[in-house]
Amino acid sequence: MARAKTVQSIEAQIKKAEERVTRLKGAYKDAVSQLDELNEELKTLRMKSLVEAIKKSGKSYEEVMRLIKL
């Protein structure tokens, strides 16, 4: 037969679960922050690469805009 849980044991389990949630929320926020930073870094690198490709192409601003708007 299953043992009956006491109020104290349930409260202890609740406290452990709350502490785990708090710890995981912090880890989640850190991971999201890192992801945002990496995405921003990638965006910056892609923009630099795009600007360099435009410079090397010898195309005018109007020509590039016309190609992009297709």
N, C-alpha and C. Protein backbone atom coordinates (compact mmCIF):
# COMPACT_ATOMS: atom_id res chain seq x y z
N MET A 1 0.84 -1.18 0.00
CA MET A 1 0.00 0.00 0.00
C MET A 1 0.89 1.25 0.00
N ALA A 2 0.45 2.29 -0.71
CA ALA A 2 1.23 3.52 -0.83
C ALA A 2 1.23 4.29 0.48
N ARG A 3 2.40 4.91 0.76
CA ARG A 3 2.50 5.73 1.95
C ARG A 3 1.79 7.05 1.74
N ALA A 4 1.16 7.55 2.75
CA ALA A 4 0.51 8.84 2.68
C ALA A 4 1.57 9.94 2.78
N LYS A 5 1.45 10.94 1.93
CA LYS A 5 2.39 12.05 1.98
C LYS A 5 1.96 13.03 3.06
N THR A 6 2.96 13.63 3.66
CA THR A 6 2.66 14.63 4.68
C THR A 6 2.66 16.02 4.04
N VAL A 7 2.08 16.96 4.71
CA VAL A 7 2.05 18.34 4.24
C VAL A 7 3.49 18.84 4.10
N GLN A 8 4.33 18.50 5.06
CA GLN A 8 5.71 18.95 5.04
C GLN A 8 6.47 18.40 3.83
N SER A 9 6.24 17.13 3.51
CA SER A 9 6.96 16.55 2.38
C SER A 9 6.50 17.18 1.06
N ILE A 10 5.22 17.46 0.96
CA ILE A 10 4.69 18.11 -0.25
C ILE A 10 5.23 19.53 -0.35
N GLU A 11 5.27 20.25 0.77
CA GLU A 11 5.81 21.61 0.77
C GLU A 11 7.29 21.61 0.38
N ALA A 12 8.03 20.61 0.83
CA ALA A 12 9.45 20.49 0.48
C ALA A 12 9.60 20.25 -1.02
N GLN A 13 8.73 19.41 -1.58
CA GLN A 13 8.77 19.14 -3.01
C GLN A 13 8.41 20.39 -3.80
N ILE A 14 7.45 21.14 -3.32
CA ILE A 14 7.06 22.40 -3.98
C ILE A 14 8.23 23.37 -3.97
N LYS A 15 8.91 23.48 -2.84
CA LYS A 15 10.05 24.39 -2.74
C LYS A 15 11.15 23.99 -3.72
N LYS A 16 11.44 22.69 -3.81
CA LYS A 16 12.45 22.20 -4.76
C LYS A 16 12.05 22.52 -6.19
N ALA A 17 10.77 22.31 -6.50
CA ALA A 17 10.28 22.58 -7.85
C ALA A 17 10.36 24.07 -8.18
N GLU A 18 10.03 24.93 -7.23
CA GLU A 18 10.12 26.37 -7.44
C GLU A 18 11.57 26.80 -7.67
N GLU A 19 12.49 26.24 -6.91
CA GLU A 19 13.91 26.56 -7.08
C GLU A 19 14.40 26.11 -8.45
N ARG A 20 13.96 24.95 -8.88
CA ARG A 20 14.35 24.44 -10.20
C ARG A 20 13.80 25.34 -11.31
N VAL A 21 12.55 25.77 -11.17
CA VAL A 21 11.95 26.65 -12.17
C VAL A 21 12.73 27.97 -12.24
N THR A 22 13.08 28.52 -11.10
CA THR A 22 13.84 29.77 -11.05
C THR A 22 15.19 29.59 -11.74
N ARG A 23 15.86 28.50 -11.46
CA ARG A 23 17.17 28.22 -12.05
C ARG A 23 17.04 28.05 -13.56
N LEU A 24 16.02 27.32 -14.00
CA LEU A 24 15.83 27.08 -15.43
C LEU A 24 15.41 28.36 -16.17
N LYS A 25 14.64 29.21 -15.50
CA LYS A 25 14.27 30.49 -16.12
C LYS A 25 15.51 31.32 -16.39
N GLY A 26 16.43 31.34 -15.44
CA GLY A 26 17.68 32.07 -15.62
C GLY A 26 18.48 31.51 -16.78
N ALA A 27 18.58 30.19 -16.86
CA ALA A 27 19.31 29.55 -17.95
C ALA A 27 18.63 29.84 -19.29
N TYR A 28 17.31 29.83 -19.30
CA TYR A 28 16.55 30.12 -20.52
C TYR A 28 16.81 31.56 -20.98
N LYS A 29 16.75 32.50 -20.04
CA LYS A 29 17.00 33.91 -20.38
C LYS A 29 18.41 34.10 -20.92
N ASP A 30 19.38 33.42 -20.33
CA ASP A 30 20.76 33.50 -20.81
C ASP A 30 20.88 32.94 -22.22
N ALA A 31 20.23 31.82 -22.47
CA ALA A 31 20.27 31.19 -23.79
C ALA A 31 19.60 32.07 -24.84
N VAL A 32 18.48 32.69 -24.50
CA VAL A 32 17.79 33.58 -25.43
C VAL A 32 18.64 34.80 -25.73
N SER A 33 19.28 35.33 -24.71
CA SER A 33 20.16 36.48 -24.88
C SER A 33 21.32 36.14 -25.81
N GLN A 34 21.93 35.00 -25.60
CA GLN A 34 23.04 34.56 -26.44
C GLN A 34 22.56 34.37 -27.88
N LEU A 35 21.40 33.77 -28.06
CA LEU A 35 20.84 33.57 -29.39
C LEU A 35 20.59 34.90 -30.09
N ASP A 36 20.04 35.86 -29.37
CA ASP A 36 19.80 37.19 -29.95
C ASP A 36 21.11 37.84 -30.38
N GLU A 37 22.13 37.74 -29.54
CA GLU A 37 23.44 38.33 -29.87
C GLU A 37 24.03 37.66 -31.11
N LEU A 38 23.94 36.35 -31.18
CA LEU A 38 24.49 35.63 -32.34
C LEU A 38 23.73 35.97 -33.61
N ASN A 39 22.41 36.08 -33.52
CA ASN A 39 21.62 36.46 -34.69
C ASN A 39 21.97 37.86 -35.17
N GLU A 40 22.20 38.77 -34.23
CA GLU A 40 22.58 40.14 -34.58
C GLU A 40 23.97 40.16 -35.23
N GLU A 41 24.88 39.36 -34.70
CA GLU A 41 26.22 39.26 -35.27
C GLU A 41 26.17 38.71 -36.69
N LEU A 42 25.35 37.69 -36.90
CA LEU A 42 25.18 37.10 -38.24
C LEU A 42 24.59 38.13 -39.20
N LYS A 43 23.61 38.87 -38.75
CA LYS A 43 22.98 39.90 -39.58
C LYS A 43 24.02 40.95 -40.00
N THR A 44 24.85 41.37 -39.05
CA THR A 44 25.89 42.36 -39.35
C THR A 44 26.88 41.83 -40.37
N LEU A 45 27.33 40.58 -40.20
CA LEU A 45 28.27 39.99 -41.14
C LEU A 45 27.67 39.86 -42.53
N ARG A 46 26.40 39.49 -42.60
CA ARG A 46 25.73 39.36 -43.89
C ARG A 46 25.59 40.72 -44.57
N MET A 47 25.30 41.75 -43.79
CA MET A 47 25.18 43.09 -44.36
C MET A 47 26.53 43.55 -44.91
N LYS A 48 27.61 43.30 -44.17
CA LYS A 48 28.94 43.67 -44.65
C LYS A 48 29.28 42.93 -45.94
N SER A 49 28.95 41.65 -45.97
CA SER A 49 29.19 40.84 -47.15
C SER A 49 28.40 41.36 -48.35
N LEU A 50 27.18 41.75 -48.12
CA LEU A 50 26.33 42.30 -49.17
C LEU A 50 26.90 43.61 -49.71
N VAL A 51 27.32 44.48 -48.82
CA VAL A 51 27.91 45.76 -49.23
C VAL A 51 29.17 45.51 -50.06
N GLU A 52 30.01 44.58 -49.63
CA GLU A 52 31.23 44.26 -50.38
C GLU A 52 30.89 43.72 -51.77
N ALA A 53 29.88 42.86 -51.85
CA ALA A 53 29.48 42.29 -53.14
C ALA A 53 28.97 43.39 -54.07
N ILE A 54 28.24 44.34 -53.52
CA ILE A 54 27.73 45.46 -54.32
C ILE A 54 28.89 46.32 -54.82
N LYS A 55 29.86 46.57 -53.94
CA LYS A 55 31.02 47.37 -54.33
C LYS A 55 31.79 46.69 -55.47
N LYS A 56 31.98 45.39 -55.36
CA LYS A 56 32.74 44.63 -56.35
C LYS A 56 31.99 44.50 -57.67
N SER A 57 30.68 44.58 -57.63
CA SER A 57 29.88 44.36 -58.84
C SER A 57 30.03 45.49 -59.85
N GLY A 58 30.37 46.69 -59.39
CA GLY A 58 30.49 47.82 -60.29
C GLY A 58 29.15 48.38 -60.73
N LYS A 59 28.08 47.89 -60.16
CA LYS A 59 26.73 48.36 -60.51
C LYS A 59 26.43 49.65 -59.76
N SER A 60 25.61 50.48 -60.37
CA SER A 60 25.20 51.72 -59.72
C SER A 60 24.10 51.40 -58.70
N TYR A 61 23.84 52.38 -57.87
CA TYR A 61 22.77 52.24 -56.88
C TYR A 61 21.45 51.90 -57.56
N GLU A 62 21.14 52.60 -58.63
CA GLU A 62 19.87 52.39 -59.34
C GLU A 62 19.79 50.97 -59.91
N GLU A 63 20.91 50.49 -60.46
CA GLU A 63 20.93 49.13 -61.02
C GLU A 63 20.70 48.09 -59.93
N VAL A 64 21.35 48.27 -58.83
CA VAL A 64 21.21 47.32 -57.71
C VAL A 64 19.77 47.35 -57.20
N MET A 65 19.20 48.53 -57.03
CA MET A 65 17.83 48.63 -56.53
C MET A 65 16.85 47.99 -57.50
N ARG A 66 17.08 48.17 -58.79
CA ARG A 66 16.21 47.57 -59.79
C ARG A 66 16.27 46.05 -59.70
N LEU A 67 17.47 45.50 -59.51
CA LEU A 67 17.63 44.04 -59.38
C LEU A 67 16.95 43.51 -58.12
N ILE A 68 17.09 44.24 -57.04
CA ILE A 68 16.51 43.81 -55.76
C ILE A 68 14.99 43.84 -55.80
N LYS A 69 14.44 44.80 -56.48
CA LYS A 69 12.98 44.98 -56.50
C LYS A 69 12.26 43.99 -57.41
N LEU A 70 12.99 43.15 -58.13
CA LEU A 70 12.36 42.18 -59.02
C LEU A 70 11.49 41.23 -58.32
